[in-house]
Amino acid sequence: MESTEARNLLEAERTRIEAALAALDTATRDGRDSSAYDQADAGQVYEATVDAGLRGQLADELRAVERAERRLAEGSYGLSVESGEPIPDARLRAQPTAERTVEEQQRYAG
């Protein structure tokens, strides 16, 4: 994969994640997330819990983008961090932060 295409894919992924984090922050500022749980109803507590989980997931995704950007700068983007084997371009287009081939990821997550 050309480095320009990889850079664009990673930039789009970073933009998506940062927009989702900003939306969560806006919802929090607008009072959707209650810090006074003793006064919050069950729905607010549930939403706050879901938001916290989503915020954590987005933070993990942002760290994956940062690792991919480092690999791109180092010249190892598109190569498995496990085996050094090339990761197919189709996989990188679908998941720009992919660190392993599909087979390796299945074993890793297994």
PDB file of N, CA and C in Angstrom:
ATOM      1  N   MET A   1       0.857  -1.174   0.000  1.00  0.00           N
ATOM      2  CA  MET A   1       0.000   0.000   0.000  1.00  0.00           C
ATOM      3  C   MET A   1       0.901   1.236   0.000  1.00  0.00           C
ATOM      4  N   GLU A   2       0.523   2.194  -0.787  1.00  0.00           N
ATOM      5  CA  GLU A   2       1.264   3.462  -0.850  1.00  0.00           C
ATOM      6  C   GLU A   2       1.148   4.187   0.492  1.00  0.00           C
ATOM      7  N   SER A   3       2.233   4.848   0.882  1.00  0.00           N
ATOM      8  CA  SER A   3       2.217   5.531   2.176  1.00  0.00           C
ATOM      9  C   SER A   3       1.197   6.663   2.214  1.00  0.00           C
ATOM     10  N   THR A   4       0.940   7.313   1.079  1.00  0.00           N
ATOM     11  CA  THR A   4      -0.058   8.383   1.050  1.00  0.00           C
ATOM     12  C   THR A   4      -1.446   7.832   1.352  1.00  0.00           C
ATOM     13  N   GLU A   5      -1.777   6.687   0.759  1.00  0.00           N
ATOM     14  CA  GLU A   5      -3.079   6.072   1.024  1.00  0.00           C
ATOM     15  C   GLU A   5      -3.179   5.655   2.490  1.00  0.00           C
ATOM     16  N   ALA A   6      -2.114   5.062   3.012  1.00  0.00           N
ATOM     17  CA  ALA A   6      -2.110   4.642   4.422  1.00  0.00           C
ATOM     18  C   ALA A   6      -2.287   5.852   5.328  1.00  0.00           C
ATOM     19  N   ARG A   7      -1.564   6.916   5.047  1.00  0.00           N
ATOM     20  CA  ARG A   7      -1.664   8.147   5.856  1.00  0.00           C
ATOM     21  C   ARG A   7      -3.097   8.681   5.835  1.00  0.00           C
ATOM     22  N   ASN A   8      -3.719   8.686   4.646  1.00  0.00           N
ATOM     23  CA  ASN A   8      -5.101   9.171   4.524  1.00  0.00           C
ATOM     24  C   ASN A   8      -6.076   8.294   5.301  1.00  0.00           C
ATOM     25  N   LEU A   9      -5.894   6.985   5.227  1.00  0.00           N
ATOM     26  CA  LEU A   9      -6.762   6.067   5.968  1.00  0.00           C
ATOM     27  C   LEU A   9      -6.629   6.287   7.476  1.00  0.00           C
ATOM     28  N   LEU A  10      -5.402   6.430   7.929  1.00  0.00           N
ATOM     29  CA  LEU A  10      -5.179   6.643   9.368  1.00  0.00           C
ATOM     30  C   LEU A  10      -5.709   7.996   9.817  1.00  0.00           C
ATOM     31  N   GLU A  11      -5.553   9.001   8.971  1.00  0.00           N
ATOM     32  CA  GLU A  11      -6.093  10.323   9.306  1.00  0.00           C
ATOM     33  C   GLU A  11      -7.616  10.277   9.420  1.00  0.00           C
ATOM     34  N   ALA A  12      -8.264   9.562   8.495  1.00  0.00           N
ATOM     35  CA  ALA A  12      -9.723   9.426   8.552  1.00  0.00           C
ATOM     36  C   ALA A  12     -10.151   8.683   9.812  1.00  0.00           C
ATOM     37  N   GLU A  13      -9.391   7.660  10.180  1.00  0.00           N
ATOM     38  CA  GLU A  13      -9.706   6.891  11.387  1.00  0.00           C
ATOM     39  C   GLU A  13      -9.537   7.766  12.629  1.00  0.00           C
ATOM     40  N   ARG A  14      -8.468   8.543  12.684  1.00  0.00           N
ATOM     41  CA  ARG A  14      -8.237   9.453  13.815  1.00  0.00           C
ATOM     42  C   ARG A  14      -9.376  10.478  13.912  1.00  0.00           C
ATOM     43  N   THR A  15      -9.782  11.032  12.779  1.00  0.00           N
ATOM     44  CA  THR A  15     -10.863  12.024  12.746  1.00  0.00           C
ATOM     45  C   THR A  15     -12.160  11.422  13.266  1.00  0.00           C
ATOM     46  N   ARG A  16     -12.470  10.180  12.843  1.00  0.00           N
ATOM     47  CA  ARG A  16     -13.689   9.499  13.290  1.00  0.00           C
ATOM     48  C   ARG A  16     -13.676   9.314  14.810  1.00  0.00           C
ATOM     49  N   ILE A  17     -12.550   8.868  15.333  1.00  0.00           N
ATOM     50  CA  ILE A  17     -12.442   8.605  16.765  1.00  0.00           C
ATOM     51  C   ILE A  17     -12.527   9.900  17.562  1.00  0.00           C
ATOM     52  N   GLU A  18     -11.808  10.919  17.126  1.00  0.00           N
ATOM     53  CA  GLU A  18     -11.828  12.201  17.845  1.00  0.00           C
ATOM     54  C   GLU A  18     -13.211  12.828  17.816  1.00  0.00           C
ATOM     55  N   ALA A  19     -13.945  12.678  16.710  1.00  0.00           N
ATOM     56  CA  ALA A  19     -15.318  13.206  16.637  1.00  0.00           C
ATOM     57  C   ALA A  19     -16.231  12.458  17.607  1.00  0.00           C
ATOM     58  N   ALA A  20     -16.064  11.145  17.706  1.00  0.00           N
ATOM     59  CA  ALA A  20     -16.881  10.366  18.637  1.00  0.00           C
ATOM     60  C   ALA A  20     -16.570  10.748  20.084  1.00  0.00           C
ATOM     61  N   LEU A  21     -15.301  10.961  20.388  1.00  0.00           N
ATOM     62  CA  LEU A  21     -14.931  11.402  21.743  1.00  0.00           C
ATOM     63  C   LEU A  21     -15.501  12.790  22.043  1.00  0.00           C
ATOM     64  N   ALA A  22     -15.458  13.682  21.065  1.00  0.00           N
ATOM     65  CA  ALA A  22     -16.008  15.023  21.251  1.00  0.00           C
ATOM     66  C   ALA A  22     -17.518  14.960  21.488  1.00  0.00           C
ATOM     67  N   ALA A  23     -18.201  14.081  20.774  1.00  0.00           N
ATOM     68  CA  ALA A  23     -19.648  13.926  20.962  1.00  0.00           C
ATOM     69  C   ALA A  23     -19.954  13.435  22.373  1.00  0.00           C
ATOM     70  N   LEU A  24     -19.140  12.505  22.878  1.00  0.00           N
ATOM     71  CA  LEU A  24     -19.337  12.037  24.256  1.00  0.00           C
ATOM     72  C   LEU A  24     -19.098  13.162  25.248  1.00  0.00           C
ATOM     73  N   ASP A  25     -18.070  13.970  24.999  1.00  0.00           N
ATOM     74  CA  ASP A  25     -17.793  15.105  25.884  1.00  0.00           C
ATOM     75  C   ASP A  25     -18.939  16.105  25.875  1.00  0.00           C
ATOM     76  N   THR A  26     -19.520  16.345  24.697  1.00  0.00           N
ATOM     77  CA  THR A  26     -20.650  17.263  24.584  1.00  0.00           C
ATOM     78  C   THR A  26     -21.845  16.728  25.359  1.00  0.00           C
ATOM     79  N   ALA A  27     -22.095  15.433  25.222  1.00  0.00           N
ATOM     80  CA  ALA A  27     -23.217  14.824  25.948  1.00  0.00           C
ATOM     81  C   ALA A  27     -23.005  14.949  27.453  1.00  0.00           C
ATOM     82  N   THR A  28     -21.773  14.796  27.888  1.00  0.00           N
ATOM     83  CA  THR A  28     -21.463  14.925  29.312  1.00  0.00           C
ATOM     84  C   THR A  28     -21.707  16.351  29.784  1.00  0.00           C
ATOM     85  N   ARG A  29     -21.213  17.325  29.002  1.00  0.00           N
ATOM     86  CA  ARG A  29     -21.404  18.736  29.376  1.00  0.00           C
ATOM     87  C   ARG A  29     -22.877  19.126  29.372  1.00  0.00           C
ATOM     88  N   ASP A  30     -23.655  18.511  28.496  1.00  0.00           N
ATOM     89  CA  ASP A  30     -25.075  18.842  28.403  1.00  0.00           C
ATOM     90  C   ASP A  30     -25.905  18.147  29.476  1.00  0.00           C
ATOM     91  N   GLY A  31     -25.241  17.446  30.378  1.00  0.00           N
ATOM     92  CA  GLY A  31     -25.946  16.869  31.510  1.00  0.00           C
ATOM     93  C   GLY A  31     -26.414  15.455  31.328  1.00  0.00           C
ATOM     94  N   ARG A  32     -26.041  14.817  30.209  1.00  0.00           N
ATOM     95  CA  ARG A  32     -26.475  13.443  30.008  1.00  0.00           C
ATOM     96  C   ARG A  32     -25.802  12.512  31.008  1.00  0.00           C
ATOM     97  N   ASP A  33     -24.570  12.830  31.370  1.00  0.00           N
ATOM     98  CA  ASP A  33     -23.800  12.007  32.295  1.00  0.00           C
ATOM     99  C   ASP A  33     -23.886  12.652  33.677  1.00  0.00           C
ATOM    100  N   SER A  34     -24.433  11.959  34.614  1.00  0.00           N
ATOM    101  CA  SER A  34     -24.593  12.522  35.954  1.00  0.00           C
ATOM    102  C   SER A  34     -23.491  12.044  36.874  1.00  0.00           C
ATOM    103  N   SER A  35     -22.846  12.988  37.548  1.00  0.00           N
ATOM    104  CA  SER A  35     -21.838  12.592  38.523  1.00  0.00           C
ATOM    105  C   SER A  35     -22.468  12.407  39.900  1.00  0.00           C
ATOM    106  N   ALA A  36     -23.685  12.820  40.068  1.00  0.00           N
ATOM    107  CA  ALA A  36     -24.388  12.662  41.345  1.00  0.00           C
ATOM    108  C   ALA A  36     -25.292  11.439  41.245  1.00  0.00           C
ATOM    109  N   TYR A  37     -24.679  10.269  41.324  1.00  0.00           N
ATOM    110  CA  TYR A  37     -25.429   9.037  41.121  1.00  0.00           C
ATOM    111  C   TYR A  37     -26.522   8.832  42.164  1.00  0.00           C
ATOM    112  N   ASP A  38     -26.369   9.398  43.340  1.00  0.00           N
ATOM    113  CA  ASP A  38     -27.405   9.215  44.344  1.00  0.00           C
ATOM    114  C   ASP A  38     -28.701   9.913  43.930  1.00  0.00           C
ATOM    115  N   GLN A  39     -28.605  10.903  43.042  1.00  0.00           N
ATOM    116  CA  GLN A  39     -29.790  11.600  42.564  1.00  0.00           C
ATOM    117  C   GLN A  39     -30.181  11.167  41.151  1.00  0.00           C
ATOM    118  N   ALA A  40     -29.331  10.381  40.508  1.00  0.00           N
ATOM    119  CA  ALA A  40     -29.577   9.990  39.123  1.00  0.00           C
ATOM    120  C   ALA A  40     -30.563   8.833  39.078  1.00  0.00           C
ATOM    121  N   ASP A  41     -31.356   8.822  38.016  1.00  0.00           N
ATOM    122  CA  ASP A  41     -32.235   7.667  37.847  1.00  0.00           C
ATOM    123  C   ASP A  41     -31.454   6.540  37.169  1.00  0.00           C
ATOM    124  N   ALA A  42     -32.055   5.376  37.097  1.00  0.00           N
ATOM    125  CA  ALA A  42     -31.370   4.205  36.546  1.00  0.00           C
ATOM    126  C   ALA A  42     -30.938   4.426  35.102  1.00  0.00           C
ATOM    127  N   GLY A  43     -31.723   5.149  34.332  1.00  0.00           N
ATOM    128  CA  GLY A  43     -31.370   5.427  32.934  1.00  0.00           C
ATOM    129  C   GLY A  43     -30.106   6.251  32.816  1.00  0.00           C
ATOM    130  N   GLN A  44     -29.952   7.244  33.675  1.00  0.00           N
ATOM    131  CA  GLN A  44     -28.748   8.075  33.654  1.00  0.00           C
ATOM    132  C   GLN A  44     -27.516   7.268  34.050  1.00  0.00           C
ATOM    133  N   VAL A  45     -27.686   6.406  35.048  1.00  0.00           N
ATOM    134  CA  VAL A  45     -26.574   5.568  35.480  1.00  0.00           C
ATOM    135  C   VAL A  45     -26.177   4.626  34.345  1.00  0.00           C
ATOM    136  N   TYR A  46     -27.169   4.040  33.683  1.00  0.00           N
ATOM    137  CA  TYR A  46     -26.899   3.146  32.555  1.00  0.00           C
ATOM    138  C   TYR A  46     -26.163   3.894  31.445  1.00  0.00           C
ATOM    139  N   GLU A  47     -26.647   5.070  31.076  1.00  0.00           N
ATOM    140  CA  GLU A  47     -26.008   5.860  30.021  1.00  0.00           C
ATOM    141  C   GLU A  47     -24.577   6.234  30.396  1.00  0.00           C
ATOM    142  N   ALA A  48     -24.357   6.589  31.641  1.00  0.00           N
ATOM    143  CA  ALA A  48     -23.013   6.946  32.095  1.00  0.00           C
ATOM    144  C   ALA A  48     -22.085   5.736  32.000  1.00  0.00           C
ATOM    145  N   THR A  49     -22.603   4.557  32.333  1.00  0.00           N
ATOM    146  CA  THR A  49     -21.810   3.331  32.260  1.00  0.00           C
ATOM    147  C   THR A  49     -21.465   3.000  30.811  1.00  0.00           C
ATOM    148  N   VAL A  50     -22.461   3.104  29.926  1.00  0.00           N
ATOM    149  CA  VAL A  50     -22.229   2.851  28.504  1.00  0.00           C
ATOM    150  C   VAL A  50     -21.222   3.855  27.951  1.00  0.00           C
ATOM    151  N   ASP A  51     -21.398   5.119  28.299  1.00  0.00           N
ATOM    152  CA  ASP A  51     -20.474   6.159  27.827  1.00  0.00           C
ATOM    153  C   ASP A  51     -19.048   5.888  28.292  1.00  0.00           C
ATOM    154  N   ALA A  52     -18.891   5.464  29.529  1.00  0.00           N
ATOM    155  CA  ALA A  52     -17.552   5.170  30.047  1.00  0.00           C
ATOM    156  C   ALA A  52     -16.922   4.020  29.274  1.00  0.00           C
ATOM    157  N   GLY A  53     -17.701   3.004  28.977  1.00  0.00           N
ATOM    158  CA  GLY A  53     -17.197   1.881  28.187  1.00  0.00           C
ATOM    159  C   GLY A  53     -16.821   2.311  26.783  1.00  0.00           C
ATOM    160  N   LEU A  54     -17.675   3.121  26.180  1.00  0.00           N
ATOM    161  CA  LEU A  54     -17.400   3.619  24.827  1.00  0.00           C
ATOM    162  C   LEU A  54     -16.161   4.505  24.822  1.00  0.00           C
ATOM    163  N   ARG A  55     -16.029   5.341  25.831  1.00  0.00           N
ATOM    164  CA  ARG A  55     -14.861   6.217  25.927  1.00  0.00           C
ATOM    165  C   ARG A  55     -13.581   5.377  26.023  1.00  0.00           C
ATOM    166  N   GLY A  56     -13.622   4.303  26.784  1.00  0.00           N
ATOM    167  CA  GLY A  56     -12.470   3.408  26.903  1.00  0.00           C
ATOM    168  C   GLY A  56     -12.141   2.724  25.583  1.00  0.00           C
ATOM    169  N   GLN A  57     -13.174   2.266  24.880  1.00  0.00           N
ATOM    170  CA  GLN A  57     -12.974   1.618  23.585  1.00  0.00           C
ATOM    171  C   GLN A  57     -12.362   2.602  22.585  1.00  0.00           C
ATOM    172  N   LEU A  58     -12.882   3.819  22.560  1.00  0.00           N
ATOM    173  CA  LEU A  58     -12.348   4.833  21.646  1.00  0.00           C
ATOM    174  C   LEU A  58     -10.904   5.190  21.993  1.00  0.00           C
ATOM    175  N   ALA A  59     -10.582   5.225  23.268  1.00  0.00           N
ATOM    176  CA  ALA A  59      -9.197   5.494  23.681  1.00  0.00           C
ATOM    177  C   ALA A  59      -8.275   4.380  23.188  1.00  0.00           C
ATOM    178  N   ASP A  60      -8.734   3.123  23.283  1.00  0.00           N
ATOM    179  CA  ASP A  60      -7.956   1.991  22.761  1.00  0.00           C
ATOM    180  C   ASP A  60      -7.753   2.134  21.251  1.00  0.00           C
ATOM    181  N   GLU A  61      -8.813   2.521  20.539  1.00  0.00           N
ATOM    182  CA  GLU A  61      -8.724   2.689  19.089  1.00  0.00           C
ATOM    183  C   GLU A  61      -7.758   3.814  18.731  1.00  0.00           C
ATOM    184  N   LEU A  62      -7.765   4.878  19.510  1.00  0.00           N
ATOM    185  CA  LEU A  62      -6.853   5.995  19.253  1.00  0.00           C
ATOM    186  C   LEU A  62      -5.401   5.563  19.472  1.00  0.00           C
ATOM    187  N   ARG A  63      -5.156   4.751  20.493  1.00  0.00           N
ATOM    188  CA  ARG A  63      -3.806   4.231  20.711  1.00  0.00           C
ATOM    189  C   ARG A  63      -3.375   3.335  19.547  1.00  0.00           C
ATOM    190  N   ALA A  64      -4.316   2.571  18.980  1.00  0.00           N
ATOM    191  CA  ALA A  64      -3.999   1.729  17.824  1.00  0.00           C
ATOM    192  C   ALA A  64      -3.623   2.591  16.615  1.00  0.00           C
ATOM    193  N   VAL A  65      -4.309   3.715  16.433  1.00  0.00           N
ATOM    194  CA  VAL A  65      -3.966   4.643  15.351  1.00  0.00           C
ATOM    195  C   VAL A  65      -2.558   5.176  15.578  1.00  0.00           C
ATOM    196  N   GLU A  66      -2.247   5.543  16.798  1.00  0.00           N
ATOM    197  CA  GLU A  66      -0.914   6.072  17.110  1.00  0.00           C
ATOM    198  C   GLU A  66       0.173   5.039  16.830  1.00  0.00           C
ATOM    199  N   ARG A  67      -0.086   3.768  17.177  1.00  0.00           N
ATOM    200  CA  ARG A  67       0.894   2.714  16.889  1.00  0.00           C
ATOM    201  C   ARG A  67       1.060   2.545  15.379  1.00  0.00           C
ATOM    202  N   ALA A  68      -0.053   2.590  14.639  1.00  0.00           N
ATOM    203  CA  ALA A  68       0.014   2.448  13.183  1.00  0.00           C
ATOM    204  C   ALA A  68       0.766   3.623  12.559  1.00  0.00           C
ATOM    205  N   GLU A  69       0.543   4.816  13.072  1.00  0.00           N
ATOM    206  CA  GLU A  69       1.270   5.990  12.568  1.00  0.00           C
ATOM    207  C   GLU A  69       2.774   5.847  12.814  1.00  0.00           C
ATOM    208  N   ARG A  70       3.139   5.291  13.967  1.00  0.00           N
ATOM    209  CA  ARG A  70       4.567   5.055  14.249  1.00  0.00           C
ATOM    210  C   ARG A  70       5.148   4.034  13.270  1.00  0.00           C
ATOM    211  N   ARG A  71       4.396   2.953  13.013  1.00  0.00           N
ATOM    212  CA  ARG A  71       4.872   1.950  12.052  1.00  0.00           C
ATOM    213  C   ARG A  71       5.027   2.562  10.667  1.00  0.00           C
ATOM    214  N   LEU A  72       4.105   3.438  10.296  1.00  0.00           N
ATOM    215  CA  LEU A  72       4.188   4.100   8.995  1.00  0.00           C
ATOM    216  C   LEU A  72       5.454   4.955   8.930  1.00  0.00           C
ATOM    217  N   ALA A  73       5.725   5.707   9.978  1.00  0.00           N
ATOM    218  CA  ALA A  73       6.922   6.561  10.019  1.00  0.00           C
ATOM    219  C   ALA A  73       8.206   5.726   9.994  1.00  0.00           C
ATOM    220  N   GLU A  74       8.160   4.543  10.613  1.00  0.00           N
ATOM    221  CA  GLU A  74       9.335   3.669  10.679  1.00  0.00           C
ATOM    222  C   GLU A  74       9.502   2.806   9.429  1.00  0.00           C
ATOM    223  N   GLY A  75       8.456   2.783   8.580  1.00  0.00           N
ATOM    224  CA  GLY A  75       8.531   1.971   7.362  1.00  0.00           C
ATOM    225  C   GLY A  75       8.068   0.537   7.522  1.00  0.00           C
ATOM    226  N   SER A  76       7.431   0.217   8.650  1.00  0.00           N
ATOM    227  CA  SER A  76       6.970  -1.158   8.857  1.00  0.00           C
ATOM    228  C   SER A  76       5.449  -1.292   8.786  1.00  0.00           C
ATOM    229  N   TYR A  77       4.761  -0.215   8.397  1.00  0.00           N
ATOM    230  CA  TYR A  77       3.294  -0.288   8.273  1.00  0.00           C
ATOM    231  C   TYR A  77       2.952  -1.305   7.186  1.00  0.00           C
ATOM    232  N   GLY A  78       1.945  -2.112   7.455  1.00  0.00           N
ATOM    233  CA  GLY A  78       1.527  -3.121   6.484  1.00  0.00           C
ATOM    234  C   GLY A  78       2.222  -4.450   6.668  1.00  0.00           C
ATOM    235  N   LEU A  79       3.090  -4.527   7.660  1.00  0.00           N
ATOM    236  CA  LEU A  79       3.750  -5.789   8.000  1.00  0.00           C
ATOM    237  C   LEU A  79       3.278  -6.223   9.379  1.00  0.00           C
ATOM    238  N   SER A  80       3.037  -7.498   9.527  1.00  0.00           N
ATOM    239  CA  SER A  80       2.573  -8.031  10.803  1.00  0.00           C
ATOM    240  C   SER A  80       3.595  -7.769  11.894  1.00  0.00           C
ATOM    241  N   VAL A  81       3.102  -7.303  13.050  1.00  0.00           N
ATOM    242  CA  VAL A  81       3.985  -7.095  14.195  1.00  0.00           C
ATOM    243  C   VAL A  81       4.420  -8.430  14.791  1.00  0.00           C
ATOM    244  N   GLU A  82       3.711  -9.480  14.434  1.00  0.00           N
ATOM    245  CA  GLU A  82       4.015 -10.805  14.967  1.00  0.00           C
ATOM    246  C   GLU A  82       5.032 -11.535  14.099  1.00  0.00           C
ATOM    247  N   SER A  83       4.777 -11.597  12.797  1.00  0.00           N
ATOM    248  CA  SER A  83       5.608 -12.421  11.918  1.00  0.00           C
ATOM    249  C   SER A  83       6.417 -11.629  10.895  1.00  0.00           C
ATOM    250  N   GLY A  84       6.057 -10.371  10.691  1.00  0.00           N
ATOM    251  CA  GLY A  84       6.711  -9.586   9.650  1.00  0.00           C
ATOM    252  C   GLY A  84       6.137  -9.840   8.264  1.00  0.00           C
ATOM    253  N   GLU A  85       5.156 -10.728   8.178  1.00  0.00           N
ATOM    254  CA  GLU A  85       4.509 -11.026   6.901  1.00  0.00           C
ATOM    255  C   GLU A  85       3.654  -9.838   6.467  1.00  0.00           C
ATOM    256  N   PRO A  86       3.524  -9.625   5.156  1.00  0.00           N
ATOM    257  CA  PRO A  86       2.675  -8.520   4.679  1.00  0.00           C
ATOM    258  C   PRO A  86       1.207  -8.728   5.057  1.00  0.00           C
ATOM    259  N   ILE A  87       0.564  -7.655   5.456  1.00  0.00           N
ATOM    260  CA  ILE A  87      -0.874  -7.648   5.707  1.00  0.00           C
ATOM    261  C   ILE A  87      -1.517  -7.200   4.401  1.00  0.00           C
ATOM    262  N   PRO A  88      -2.471  -7.970   3.871  1.00  0.00           N
ATOM    263  CA  PRO A  88      -3.081  -7.602   2.585  1.00  0.00           C
ATOM    264  C   PRO A  88      -3.686  -6.192   2.613  1.00  0.00           C
ATOM    265  N   ASP A  89      -3.536  -5.483   1.485  1.00  0.00           N
ATOM    266  CA  ASP A  89      -4.069  -4.126   1.373  1.00  0.00           C
ATOM    267  C   ASP A  89      -5.567  -4.071   1.668  1.00  0.00           C
ATOM    268  N   ALA A  90      -6.305  -5.089   1.232  1.00  0.00           N
ATOM    269  CA  ALA A  90      -7.757  -5.094   1.481  1.00  0.00           C
ATOM    270  C   ALA A  90      -8.042  -5.066   2.980  1.00  0.00           C
ATOM    271  N   ARG A  91      -7.240  -5.790   3.758  1.00  0.00           N
ATOM    272  CA  ARG A  91      -7.425  -5.783   5.226  1.00  0.00           C
ATOM    273  C   ARG A  91      -7.092  -4.405   5.785  1.00  0.00           C
ATOM    274  N   LEU A  92      -6.020  -3.798   5.297  1.00  0.00           N
ATOM    275  CA  LEU A  92      -5.635  -2.476   5.786  1.00  0.00           C
ATOM    276  C   LEU A  92      -6.658  -1.418   5.398  1.00  0.00           C
ATOM    277  N   ARG A  93      -7.281  -1.568   4.243  1.00  0.00           N
ATOM    278  CA  ARG A  93      -8.320  -0.606   3.855  1.00  0.00           C
ATOM    279  C   ARG A  93      -9.545  -0.758   4.747  1.00  0.00           C
ATOM    280  N   ALA A  94      -9.854  -1.984   5.130  1.00  0.00           N
ATOM    281  CA  ALA A  94     -11.006  -2.234   6.002  1.00  0.00           C
ATOM    282  C   ALA A  94     -10.696  -1.873   7.451  1.00  0.00           C
ATOM    283  N   GLN A  95      -9.451  -2.121   7.867  1.00  0.00           N
ATOM    284  CA  GLN A  95      -9.028  -1.831   9.241  1.00  0.00           C
ATOM    285  C   GLN A  95      -7.609  -1.262   9.182  1.00  0.00           C
ATOM    286  N   PRO A  96      -7.501   0.059   9.000  1.00  0.00           N
ATOM    287  CA  PRO A  96      -6.186   0.680   8.812  1.00  0.00           C
ATOM    288  C   PRO A  96      -5.201   0.460   9.955  1.00  0.00           C
ATOM    289  N   THR A  97      -5.696   0.104  11.124  1.00  0.00           N
ATOM    290  CA  THR A  97      -4.821  -0.099  12.280  1.00  0.00           C
ATOM    291  C   THR A  97      -4.423  -1.561  12.473  1.00  0.00           C
ATOM    292  N   ALA A  98      -4.767  -2.425  11.517  1.00  0.00           N
ATOM    293  CA  ALA A  98      -4.467  -3.856  11.649  1.00  0.00           C
ATOM    294  C   ALA A  98      -2.981  -4.060  11.922  1.00  0.00           C
ATOM    295  N   GLU A  99      -2.692  -4.883  12.923  1.00  0.00           N
ATOM    296  CA  GLU A  99      -1.312  -5.158  13.310  1.00  0.00           C
ATOM    297  C   GLU A  99      -0.862  -6.557  12.897  1.00  0.00           C
ATOM    298  N   ARG A 100      -1.815  -7.383  12.530  1.00  0.00           N
ATOM    299  CA  ARG A 100      -1.529  -8.776  12.179  1.00  0.00           C
ATOM    300  C   ARG A 100      -2.362  -9.190  10.987  1.00  0.00           C
ATOM    301  N   THR A 101      -1.963 -10.290  10.343  1.00  0.00           N
ATOM    302  CA  THR A 101      -2.796 -10.876   9.304  1.00  0.00           C
ATOM    303  C   THR A 101      -4.061 -11.419   9.968  1.00  0.00           C
ATOM    304  N   VAL A 102      -5.068 -11.732   9.184  1.00  0.00           N
ATOM    305  CA  VAL A 102      -6.325 -12.254   9.738  1.00  0.00           C
ATOM    306  C   VAL A 102      -6.059 -13.523  10.538  1.00  0.00           C
ATOM    307  N   GLU A 103      -5.281 -14.421   9.971  1.00  0.00           N
ATOM    308  CA  GLU A 103      -4.993 -15.699  10.647  1.00  0.00           C
ATOM    309  C   GLU A 103      -4.282 -15.471  11.978  1.00  0.00           C
ATOM    310  N   GLU A 104      -3.298 -14.593  11.979  1.00  0.00           N
ATOM    311  CA  GLU A 104      -2.573 -14.296  13.223  1.00  0.00           C
ATOM    312  C   GLU A 104      -3.492 -13.647  14.248  1.00  0.00           C
ATOM    313  N   GLN A 105      -4.359 -12.738  13.794  1.00  0.00           N
ATOM    314  CA  GLN A 105      -5.269 -12.076  14.717  1.00  0.00           C
ATOM    315  C   GLN A 105      -6.251 -13.060  15.331  1.00  0.00           C
ATOM    316  N   GLN A 106      -6.710 -14.032  14.540  1.00  0.00           N
ATOM    317  CA  GLN A 106      -7.618 -15.050  15.076  1.00  0.00           C
ATOM    318  C   GLN A 106      -6.931 -15.868  16.165  1.00  0.00           C
ATOM    319  N   ARG A 107      -5.674 -16.212  15.952  1.00  0.00           N
ATOM    320  CA  ARG A 107      -4.923 -16.956  16.984  1.00  0.00           C
ATOM    321  C   ARG A 107      -4.673 -16.065  18.204  1.00  0.00           C
ATOM    322  N   TYR A 108      -4.347 -14.806  17.961  1.00  0.00           N
ATOM    323  CA  TYR A 108      -4.040 -13.863  19.041  1.00  0.00           C
ATOM    324  C   TYR A 108      -5.265 -13.643  19.920  1.00  0.00           C
ATOM    325  N   ALA A 109      -6.422 -13.456  19.288  1.00  0.00           N
ATOM    326  CA  ALA A 109      -7.658 -13.176  20.038  1.00  0.00           C
ATOM    327  C   ALA A 109      -8.274 -14.442  20.596  1.00  0.00           C
ATOM    328  N   GLY A 110      -7.901 -15.576  20.014  1.00  0.00           N
ATOM    329  CA  GLY A 110      -8.450 -16.890  20.313  1.00  0.00           C
ATOM    330  C   GLY A 110      -8.653 -17.198  21.708  1.00  0.00           C
TER     331      GLY A 110
END
